[in-house]
Amino acid sequence: MGNTLNTLPQIPQPQQQSQQQEQQQQLPENESLNQEFTCEICIEPTSIPGKKFKNTNKCSHPFCTDCMIKYIRVKLEDDNIGHIKCPAYNCDHALDPLACSSLVGPALFIRWGDVLCEAAIGGVEKCYCPYRNCNVLIVNECGGDPKKCKCPSCKRWFCFQCKSVWHAGFGCEESGELRDRNDVAFGRLAEQRKWNRCPRCKHFVELSEGCQIIKCRCGINFCYKCGKQVHQHWCRCDTTSVCCVWCFRICVLLIFVMFASFLYMWEGQKHGHVRR
């Protein structure tokens, strides 16, 4: 008696199943990209292969690539918006810049990246390097109130407050008047030797020795250490002088209290003798 063999159905392997599913998913997409459609922006029927815009499997609204390029350019250049949403009605999906890089071109893609960077650091104080051959974006990551800063790209000094080239020895309000090279060189020399300026007449003063309180030729007294005008022979920026002043005031107060108590006791003894 012969043995009968029953043929069992072949069970596909997991890799074969995944490949079949990918092929089944890719077929409708390729067919939808090649078939005729009507763009919802220009309302023009299109049957050219590859003209339908694809938003990386997020949404598949019928838009042609020409209209999407114009749409992205308007959002970037006119509206300055980096988070660009799909133009379809009631669609909250955003466009992927990396997926659209080959579509929009390198110049518009770089502009897209710059807008996204500016939006990411919108709440942080920032400026651009004032030198024309650099002009990189610089962010104040450490906080505070910076003034003299060095560009991380070109390694040149600039003023973070007035966003201009570093004006050594001069204030931000005077930076626009420094057109002579001699003024710039003199300002650098004053900064190196740590010269100070009178707060009234703005003349430079060099202290070789002596007290920190300077009497300028314009008639005012100012502190050479902090540059502020003072009306006494000491300044609050000097801890030693402040302590000495307060010690002197306390000593005067103690002497006054002791003298008042002595007078009070002397008056009391005087009235006591009169009563007897």
C-alpha atoms as a PDB file:
ATOM      1  CA  MET A   1       0.000   0.000   0.000  1.00  0.00           C
ATOM      2  CA  GLY A   2       1.531   3.201  -1.153  1.00  0.00           C
ATOM      3  CA  ASN A   3       1.997   6.272   1.025  1.00  0.00           C
ATOM      4  CA  THR A   4       0.021   9.345   0.031  1.00  0.00           C
ATOM      5  CA  LEU A   5       1.708  12.737   0.512  1.00  0.00           C
ATOM      6  CA  ASN A   6      -0.410  15.827   0.981  1.00  0.00           C
ATOM      7  CA  THR A   7       1.073  19.086  -0.307  1.00  0.00           C
ATOM      8  CA  LEU A   8       0.929  21.781   2.341  1.00  0.00           C
ATOM      9  CA  PRO A   9       0.611  25.452   1.380  1.00  0.00           C
ATOM     10  CA  GLN A  10       3.882  27.417   1.547  1.00  0.00           C
ATOM     11  CA  ILE A  11       4.033  29.817   4.469  1.00  0.00           C
ATOM     12  CA  PRO A  12       5.886  33.014   3.522  1.00  0.00           C
ATOM     13  CA  GLN A  13       8.792  34.041   5.690  1.00  0.00           C
ATOM     14  CA  PRO A  14       8.648  37.332   7.668  1.00  0.00           C
ATOM     15  CA  GLN A  15      11.150  38.975   5.287  1.00  0.00           C
ATOM     16  CA  GLN A  16       9.086  37.974   2.280  1.00  0.00           C
ATOM     17  CA  GLN A  17       5.948  39.352   3.945  1.00  0.00           C
ATOM     18  CA  SER A  18       7.586  42.726   4.599  1.00  0.00           C
ATOM     19  CA  GLN A  19       8.898  42.907   1.016  1.00  0.00           C
ATOM     20  CA  GLN A  20       5.455  42.117  -0.366  1.00  0.00           C
ATOM     21  CA  GLN A  21       3.839  44.766   1.837  1.00  0.00           C
ATOM     22  CA  GLU A  22       6.386  47.381   0.709  1.00  0.00           C
ATOM     23  CA  GLN A  23       5.757  46.505  -2.931  1.00  0.00           C
ATOM     24  CA  GLN A  24       2.016  46.760  -2.406  1.00  0.00           C
ATOM     25  CA  GLN A  25       2.425  50.158  -0.725  1.00  0.00           C
ATOM     26  CA  GLN A  26       4.785  51.489  -3.392  1.00  0.00           C
ATOM     27  CA  LEU A  27       2.574  50.532  -6.315  1.00  0.00           C
ATOM     28  CA  PRO A  28      -0.367  52.823  -5.462  1.00  0.00           C
ATOM     29  CA  GLU A  29       2.020  55.671  -4.699  1.00  0.00           C
ATOM     30  CA  ASN A  30       3.814  55.374  -8.026  1.00  0.00           C
ATOM     31  CA  GLU A  31       0.524  55.067  -9.820  1.00  0.00           C
ATOM     32  CA  SER A  32      -0.834  58.155  -8.017  1.00  0.00           C
ATOM     33  CA  LEU A  33       2.285  60.153  -8.910  1.00  0.00           C
ATOM     34  CA  ASN A  34       2.035  59.251 -12.589  1.00  0.00           C
ATOM     35  CA  GLN A  35      -1.689  59.550 -13.044  1.00  0.00           C
ATOM     36  CA  GLU A  36      -3.431  62.762 -14.064  1.00  0.00           C
ATOM     37  CA  PHE A  37      -4.504  65.145 -11.280  1.00  0.00           C
ATOM     38  CA  THR A  38      -5.724  68.710 -10.849  1.00  0.00           C
ATOM     39  CA  CYS A  39      -3.659  71.050  -8.688  1.00  0.00           C
ATOM     40  CA  GLU A  40      -5.756  72.719  -5.990  1.00  0.00           C
ATOM     41  CA  ILE A  41      -3.687  75.932  -6.215  1.00  0.00           C
ATOM     42  CA  CYS A  42      -3.470  76.676  -9.952  1.00  0.00           C
ATOM     43  CA  ILE A  43      -6.516  74.491 -10.875  1.00  0.00           C
ATOM     44  CA  GLU A  44      -4.630  73.051 -13.828  1.00  0.00           C
ATOM     45  CA  PRO A  45      -4.865  69.377 -14.837  1.00  0.00           C
ATOM     46  CA  THR A  46      -1.439  67.735 -14.983  1.00  0.00           C
ATOM     47  CA  SER A  47      -0.435  64.335 -16.331  1.00  0.00           C
ATOM     48  CA  ILE A  48       3.355  64.787 -16.418  1.00  0.00           C
ATOM     49  CA  PRO A  49       5.118  62.092 -14.331  1.00  0.00           C
ATOM     50  CA  GLY A  50       6.773  63.391 -11.176  1.00  0.00           C
ATOM     51  CA  LYS A  51       4.907  66.719 -11.158  1.00  0.00           C
ATOM     52  CA  LYS A  52       2.800  65.832  -8.144  1.00  0.00           C
ATOM     53  CA  PHE A  53       4.174  67.086  -4.829  1.00  0.00           C
ATOM     54  CA  LYS A  54       4.769  64.451  -2.152  1.00  0.00           C
ATOM     55  CA  ASN A  55       4.994  65.435   1.530  1.00  0.00           C
ATOM     56  CA  THR A  56       7.016  62.403   2.754  1.00  0.00           C
ATOM     57  CA  ASN A  57       3.977  60.159   3.322  1.00  0.00           C
ATOM     58  CA  LYS A  58       2.444  62.700   5.743  1.00  0.00           C
ATOM     59  CA  CYS A  59      -0.318  63.841   3.408  1.00  0.00           C
ATOM     60  CA  SER A  60      -1.074  63.379  -0.293  1.00  0.00           C
ATOM     61  CA  HIS A  61      -2.997  66.451  -1.424  1.00  0.00           C
ATOM     62  CA  PRO A  62      -3.009  67.214  -5.158  1.00  0.00           C
ATOM     63  CA  PHE A  63      -0.491  70.031  -5.593  1.00  0.00           C
ATOM     64  CA  CYS A  64       1.964  70.471  -8.435  1.00  0.00           C
ATOM     65  CA  THR A  65       5.646  71.044  -7.679  1.00  0.00           C
ATOM     66  CA  ASP A  66       5.736  74.484  -9.373  1.00  0.00           C
ATOM     67  CA  CYS A  67       2.996  75.840  -7.124  1.00  0.00           C
ATOM     68  CA  MET A  68       4.622  74.371  -4.015  1.00  0.00           C
ATOM     69  CA  ILE A  69       7.968  75.999  -4.840  1.00  0.00           C
ATOM     70  CA  LYS A  70       6.239  79.384  -5.163  1.00  0.00           C
ATOM     71  CA  TYR A  71       4.310  78.735  -1.951  1.00  0.00           C
ATOM     72  CA  ILE A  72       7.497  77.907   0.000  1.00  0.00           C
ATOM     73  CA  ARG A  73       9.335  80.945  -1.418  1.00  0.00           C
ATOM     74  CA  VAL A  74       6.514  83.304  -0.360  1.00  0.00           C
ATOM     75  CA  LYS A  75       6.449  81.860   3.153  1.00  0.00           C
ATOM     76  CA  LEU A  76      10.214  82.256   3.534  1.00  0.00           C
ATOM     77  CA  GLU A  77      10.959  85.559   1.804  1.00  0.00           C
ATOM     78  CA  ASP A  78       7.760  87.526   2.436  1.00  0.00           C
ATOM     79  CA  ASP A  79       6.335  86.066   5.647  1.00  0.00           C
ATOM     80  CA  ASN A  80       9.696  84.942   7.159  1.00  0.00           C
ATOM     81  CA  ILE A  81       8.108  81.695   8.409  1.00  0.00           C
ATOM     82  CA  GLY A  82      10.211  78.548   8.727  1.00  0.00           C
ATOM     83  CA  HIS A  83       7.528  76.164  10.050  1.00  0.00           C
ATOM     84  CA  ILE A  84       5.576  75.864   6.803  1.00  0.00           C
ATOM     85  CA  LYS A  85       2.334  73.895   6.871  1.00  0.00           C
ATOM     86  CA  CYS A  86       0.645  72.090   4.026  1.00  0.00           C
ATOM     87  CA  PRO A  87      -1.536  74.578   2.073  1.00  0.00           C
ATOM     88  CA  ALA A  88      -4.495  72.185   2.078  1.00  0.00           C
ATOM     89  CA  TYR A  89      -7.566  73.197   4.046  1.00  0.00           C
ATOM     90  CA  ASN A  90      -7.701  71.726   7.595  1.00  0.00           C
ATOM     91  CA  CYS A  91      -4.312  70.016   7.185  1.00  0.00           C
ATOM     92  CA  ASP A  92      -1.891  70.475  10.100  1.00  0.00           C
ATOM     93  CA  HIS A  93       1.032  68.553   8.614  1.00  0.00           C
ATOM     94  CA  ALA A  94       4.260  70.524   8.175  1.00  0.00           C
ATOM     95  CA  LEU A  95       6.567  70.377   5.189  1.00  0.00           C
ATOM     96  CA  ASP A  96       9.877  68.605   5.660  1.00  0.00           C
ATOM     97  CA  PRO A  97      12.804  70.859   4.633  1.00  0.00           C
ATOM     98  CA  LEU A  98      15.155  67.925   4.016  1.00  0.00           C
ATOM     99  CA  ALA A  99      12.632  66.168   1.782  1.00  0.00           C
ATOM    100  CA  CYS A 100      12.052  69.400  -0.158  1.00  0.00           C
ATOM    101  CA  SER A 101      15.746  70.319  -0.534  1.00  0.00           C
ATOM    102  CA  SER A 102      16.079  68.834  -4.038  1.00  0.00           C
ATOM    103  CA  LEU A 103      12.818  70.497  -5.055  1.00  0.00           C
ATOM    104  CA  VAL A 104      13.459  74.090  -3.887  1.00  0.00           C
ATOM    105  CA  GLY A 105      17.168  74.267  -4.746  1.00  0.00           C
ATOM    106  CA  PRO A 106      20.229  75.077  -2.591  1.00  0.00           C
ATOM    107  CA  ALA A 107      19.682  78.852  -2.258  1.00  0.00           C
ATOM    108  CA  LEU A 108      16.092  78.574  -1.014  1.00  0.00           C
ATOM    109  CA  PHE A 109      17.004  75.605   1.192  1.00  0.00           C
ATOM    110  CA  ILE A 110      19.750  77.647   2.924  1.00  0.00           C
ATOM    111  CA  ARG A 111      17.259  80.468   3.420  1.00  0.00           C
ATOM    112  CA  TRP A 112      14.835  77.950   4.953  1.00  0.00           C
ATOM    113  CA  GLY A 113      17.514  76.777   7.401  1.00  0.00           C
ATOM    114  CA  ASP A 114      18.367  80.358   8.397  1.00  0.00           C
ATOM    115  CA  VAL A 115      14.719  81.168   9.122  1.00  0.00           C
ATOM    116  CA  LEU A 116      14.367  78.033  11.243  1.00  0.00           C
ATOM    117  CA  CYS A 117      17.531  78.927  13.198  1.00  0.00           C
ATOM    118  CA  GLU A 118      16.309  82.467  13.843  1.00  0.00           C
ATOM    119  CA  ALA A 119      12.954  81.115  15.044  1.00  0.00           C
ATOM    120  CA  ALA A 120      14.697  78.655  17.388  1.00  0.00           C
ATOM    121  CA  ILE A 121      16.674  81.457  19.057  1.00  0.00           C
ATOM    122  CA  GLY A 122      13.929  84.068  18.906  1.00  0.00           C
ATOM    123  CA  GLY A 123      13.998  84.785  22.652  1.00  0.00           C
ATOM    124  CA  VAL A 124      17.796  85.077  22.858  1.00  0.00           C
ATOM    125  CA  GLU A 125      19.729  88.313  22.320  1.00  0.00           C
ATOM    126  CA  LYS A 126      21.662  88.110  19.058  1.00  0.00           C
ATOM    127  CA  CYS A 127      23.468  90.186  16.462  1.00  0.00           C
ATOM    128  CA  TYR A 128      25.453  89.801  13.261  1.00  0.00           C
ATOM    129  CA  CYS A 129      29.188  90.337  12.924  1.00  0.00           C
ATOM    130  CA  PRO A 130      29.650  93.935  11.661  1.00  0.00           C
ATOM    131  CA  TYR A 131      32.501  93.016   9.284  1.00  0.00           C
ATOM    132  CA  ARG A 132      31.263  92.673   5.710  1.00  0.00           C
ATOM    133  CA  ASN A 133      33.372  89.662   4.809  1.00  0.00           C
ATOM    134  CA  CYS A 134      32.049  87.741   7.847  1.00  0.00           C
ATOM    135  CA  ASN A 135      28.485  88.747   8.859  1.00  0.00           C
ATOM    136  CA  VAL A 136      27.797  85.551  10.856  1.00  0.00           C
ATOM    137  CA  LEU A 137      25.024  85.252  13.427  1.00  0.00           C
ATOM    138  CA  ILE A 138      26.255  85.559  17.036  1.00  0.00           C
ATOM    139  CA  VAL A 139      24.080  84.582  20.017  1.00  0.00           C
ATOM    140  CA  ASN A 140      24.446  85.763  23.612  1.00  0.00           C
ATOM    141  CA  GLU A 141      24.334  82.349  25.278  1.00  0.00           C
ATOM    142  CA  CYS A 142      25.891  83.417  28.587  1.00  0.00           C
ATOM    143  CA  GLY A 143      23.417  86.225  29.317  1.00  0.00           C
ATOM    144  CA  GLY A 144      24.378  89.434  31.064  1.00  0.00           C
ATOM    145  CA  ASP A 145      25.174  92.690  29.291  1.00  0.00           C
ATOM    146  CA  PRO A 146      28.176  92.046  27.017  1.00  0.00           C
ATOM    147  CA  LYS A 147      30.014  94.875  25.300  1.00  0.00           C
ATOM    148  CA  LYS A 148      33.437  93.958  23.899  1.00  0.00           C
ATOM    149  CA  CYS A 149      33.144  90.589  22.140  1.00  0.00           C
ATOM    150  CA  LYS A 150      35.213  88.543  19.712  1.00  0.00           C
ATOM    151  CA  CYS A 151      33.572  87.040  16.647  1.00  0.00           C
ATOM    152  CA  PRO A 152      33.877  83.223  16.788  1.00  0.00           C
ATOM    153  CA  SER A 153      34.311  83.100  12.999  1.00  0.00           C
ATOM    154  CA  CYS A 154      36.704  85.903  11.980  1.00  0.00           C
ATOM    155  CA  LYS A 155      38.252  86.360  15.490  1.00  0.00           C
ATOM    156  CA  ARG A 156      37.891  90.176  15.354  1.00  0.00           C
ATOM    157  CA  TRP A 157      36.587  92.412  18.119  1.00  0.00           C
ATOM    158  CA  PHE A 158      33.236  94.212  17.942  1.00  0.00           C
ATOM    159  CA  CYS A 159      30.747  95.922  20.261  1.00  0.00           C
ATOM    160  CA  PHE A 160      27.710  93.786  21.079  1.00  0.00           C
ATOM    161  CA  GLN A 161      25.691  96.767  22.353  1.00  0.00           C
ATOM    162  CA  CYS A 162      25.860  99.039  19.298  1.00  0.00           C
ATOM    163  CA  LYS A 163      26.505  96.150  16.846  1.00  0.00           C
ATOM    164  CA  SER A 164      29.507  97.900  15.282  1.00  0.00           C
ATOM    165  CA  VAL A 165      33.273  97.503  15.035  1.00  0.00           C
ATOM    166  CA  TRP A 166      34.988  97.776  18.413  1.00  0.00           C
ATOM    167  CA  HIS A 167      35.521 101.437  19.344  1.00  0.00           C
ATOM    168  CA  ALA A 168      38.396 101.228  21.801  1.00  0.00           C
ATOM    169  CA  GLY A 169      38.403 104.038  24.350  1.00  0.00           C
ATOM    170  CA  PHE A 170      35.182 105.624  23.048  1.00  0.00           C
ATOM    171  CA  GLY A 171      31.511 105.171  23.868  1.00  0.00           C
ATOM    172  CA  CYS A 172      28.838 103.645  21.660  1.00  0.00           C
ATOM    173  CA  GLU A 173      27.356 107.077  20.938  1.00  0.00           C
ATOM    174  CA  GLU A 174      30.748 108.196  19.576  1.00  0.00           C
ATOM    175  CA  SER A 175      31.419 105.142  17.404  1.00  0.00           C
ATOM    176  CA  GLY A 176      29.823 106.732  14.340  1.00  0.00           C
ATOM    177  CA  GLU A 177      32.222 109.706  14.542  1.00  0.00           C
ATOM    178  CA  LEU A 178      35.415 107.616  14.431  1.00  0.00           C
ATOM    179  CA  ARG A 179      36.266 108.075  10.776  1.00  0.00           C
ATOM    180  CA  ASP A 180      39.946 108.983  11.237  1.00  0.00           C
ATOM    181  CA  ARG A 181      42.478 106.190  11.672  1.00  0.00           C
ATOM    182  CA  ASN A 182      44.362 108.291  14.200  1.00  0.00           C
ATOM    183  CA  ASP A 183      41.297 108.367  16.462  1.00  0.00           C
ATOM    184  CA  VAL A 184      40.994 104.588  16.303  1.00  0.00           C
ATOM    185  CA  ALA A 185      44.698 104.124  17.040  1.00  0.00           C
ATOM    186  CA  PHE A 186      44.523 106.578  19.945  1.00  0.00           C
ATOM    187  CA  GLY A 187      41.510 104.732  21.351  1.00  0.00           C
ATOM    188  CA  ARG A 188      43.394 101.430  21.236  1.00  0.00           C
ATOM    189  CA  LEU A 189      46.363 103.042  23.004  1.00  0.00           C
ATOM    190  CA  ALA A 190      44.058 104.436  25.717  1.00  0.00           C
ATOM    191  CA  GLU A 191      42.526 101.005  26.192  1.00  0.00           C
ATOM    192  CA  GLN A 192      45.919  99.296  26.487  1.00  0.00           C
ATOM    193  CA  ARG A 193      47.227 101.799  29.059  1.00  0.00           C
ATOM    194  CA  LYS A 194      43.870 101.892  30.868  1.00  0.00           C
ATOM    195  CA  TRP A 195      43.392 105.631  30.618  1.00  0.00           C
ATOM    196  CA  ASN A 196      40.117 107.007  31.933  1.00  0.00           C
ATOM    197  CA  ARG A 197      37.940 109.879  30.748  1.00  0.00           C
ATOM    198  CA  CYS A 198      36.335 112.782  32.536  1.00  0.00           C
ATOM    199  CA  PRO A 199      32.558 112.252  32.681  1.00  0.00           C
ATOM    200  CA  ARG A 200      31.941 115.927  31.786  1.00  0.00           C
ATOM    201  CA  CYS A 201      34.504 117.082  29.214  1.00  0.00           C
ATOM    202  CA  LYS A 202      35.434 113.558  27.946  1.00  0.00           C
ATOM    203  CA  HIS A 203      39.168 114.273  28.037  1.00  0.00           C
ATOM    204  CA  PHE A 204      41.511 111.351  28.657  1.00  0.00           C
ATOM    205  CA  VAL A 205      43.394 111.322  31.953  1.00  0.00           C
ATOM    206  CA  GLU A 206      46.336 109.146  32.996  1.00  0.00           C
ATOM    207  CA  LEU A 207      46.959 108.485  36.688  1.00  0.00           C
ATOM    208  CA  SER A 208      50.610 107.770  37.392  1.00  0.00           C
ATOM    209  CA  GLU A 209      50.407 107.777  41.202  1.00  0.00           C
ATOM    210  CA  GLY A 210      48.446 109.235  44.100  1.00  0.00           C
ATOM    211  CA  CYS A 211      44.792 109.320  45.052  1.00  0.00           C
ATOM    212  CA  GLN A 212      42.034 107.782  42.930  1.00  0.00           C
ATOM    213  CA  ILE A 213      39.956 110.979  43.155  1.00  0.00           C
ATOM    214  CA  ILE A 214      40.958 113.172  40.204  1.00  0.00           C
ATOM    215  CA  LYS A 215      40.287 116.887  39.819  1.00  0.00           C
ATOM    216  CA  CYS A 216      39.844 117.537  36.107  1.00  0.00           C
ATOM    217  CA  ARG A 217      40.756 120.822  34.418  1.00  0.00           C
ATOM    218  CA  CYS A 218      37.042 121.397  33.788  1.00  0.00           C
ATOM    219  CA  GLY A 219      36.555 121.749  37.572  1.00  0.00           C
ATOM    220  CA  ILE A 220      34.842 118.516  38.659  1.00  0.00           C
ATOM    221  CA  ASN A 221      36.107 115.611  40.753  1.00  0.00           C
ATOM    222  CA  PHE A 222      35.717 112.043  39.491  1.00  0.00           C
ATOM    223  CA  CYS A 223      36.908 108.608  40.484  1.00  0.00           C
ATOM    224  CA  TYR A 224      39.675 107.273  38.263  1.00  0.00           C
ATOM    225  CA  LYS A 225      38.675 103.700  39.123  1.00  0.00           C
ATOM    226  CA  CYS A 226      35.015 103.768  38.048  1.00  0.00           C
ATOM    227  CA  GLY A 227      34.875 107.049  36.087  1.00  0.00           C
ATOM    228  CA  LYS A 228      31.914 108.522  38.029  1.00  0.00           C
ATOM    229  CA  GLN A 229      31.706 112.095  39.270  1.00  0.00           C
ATOM    230  CA  VAL A 230      32.011 112.476  43.047  1.00  0.00           C
ATOM    231  CA  HIS A 231      31.380 115.389  45.426  1.00  0.00           C
ATOM    232  CA  GLN A 232      33.561 114.151  48.264  1.00  0.00           C
ATOM    233  CA  HIS A 233      37.066 112.769  48.588  1.00  0.00           C
ATOM    234  CA  TRP A 234      36.010 109.130  48.412  1.00  0.00           C
ATOM    235  CA  CYS A 235      33.993 106.855  46.126  1.00  0.00           C
ATOM    236  CA  ARG A 236      31.612 103.996  46.797  1.00  0.00           C
ATOM    237  CA  CYS A 237      33.445 101.737  44.331  1.00  0.00           C
ATOM    238  CA  ASP A 238      36.426 101.595  46.718  1.00  0.00           C
ATOM    239  CA  THR A 239      35.615  99.191  49.548  1.00  0.00           C
ATOM    240  CA  THR A 240      38.499 100.412  51.717  1.00  0.00           C
ATOM    241  CA  SER A 241      37.469 104.055  51.521  1.00  0.00           C
ATOM    242  CA  VAL A 242      33.826 103.173  52.206  1.00  0.00           C
ATOM    243  CA  CYS A 243      34.795 101.197  55.309  1.00  0.00           C
ATOM    244  CA  CYS A 244      36.996 104.033  56.512  1.00  0.00           C
ATOM    245  CA  VAL A 245      34.208 106.562  56.022  1.00  0.00           C
ATOM    246  CA  TRP A 246      31.708 104.423  57.923  1.00  0.00           C
ATOM    247  CA  CYS A 247      34.218 103.802  60.715  1.00  0.00           C
ATOM    248  CA  PHE A 248      34.778 107.546  60.979  1.00  0.00           C
ATOM    249  CA  ARG A 249      31.017 108.161  61.127  1.00  0.00           C
ATOM    250  CA  ILE A 250      30.569 105.509  63.816  1.00  0.00           C
ATOM    251  CA  CYS A 251      33.407 107.000  65.871  1.00  0.00           C
ATOM    252  CA  VAL A 252      31.880 110.463  65.624  1.00  0.00           C
ATOM    253  CA  LEU A 253      28.502 109.040  66.697  1.00  0.00           C
ATOM    254  CA  LEU A 254      30.055 107.255  69.680  1.00  0.00           C
ATOM    255  CA  ILE A 255      31.862 110.424  70.763  1.00  0.00           C
ATOM    256  CA  PHE A 256      28.611 112.372  70.479  1.00  0.00           C
ATOM    257  CA  VAL A 257      26.734 109.776  72.579  1.00  0.00           C
ATOM    258  CA  MET A 258      29.451 109.743  75.227  1.00  0.00           C
ATOM    259  CA  PHE A 259      29.497 113.537  75.374  1.00  0.00           C
ATOM    260  CA  ALA A 260      25.701 113.692  75.647  1.00  0.00           C
ATOM    261  CA  SER A 261      25.659 111.118  78.451  1.00  0.00           C
ATOM    262  CA  PHE A 262      28.399 113.024  80.273  1.00  0.00           C
ATOM    263  CA  LEU A 263      26.356 116.234  80.045  1.00  0.00           C
ATOM    264  CA  TYR A 264      23.253 114.418  81.283  1.00  0.00           C
ATOM    265  CA  MET A 265      25.109 113.030  84.326  1.00  0.00           C
ATOM    266  CA  TRP A 266      26.705 116.406  85.059  1.00  0.00           C
ATOM    267  CA  GLU A 267      23.307 118.155  84.948  1.00  0.00           C
ATOM    268  CA  GLY A 268      21.884 115.504  87.269  1.00  0.00           C
ATOM    269  CA  GLN A 269      24.649 115.942  89.830  1.00  0.00           C
ATOM    270  CA  LYS A 270      24.286 119.742  89.646  1.00  0.00           C
ATOM    271  CA  HIS A 271      20.533 119.598  90.373  1.00  0.00           C
ATOM    272  CA  GLY A 272      21.209 117.183  93.254  1.00  0.00           C
ATOM    273  CA  HIS A 273      23.552 119.593  94.969  1.00  0.00           C
ATOM    274  CA  VAL A 274      21.041 122.442  94.628  1.00  0.00           C
ATOM    275  CA  ARG A 275      18.256 120.424  96.331  1.00  0.00           C
ATOM    276  CA  ARG A 276      20.428 119.714  99.381  1.00  0.00           C
END
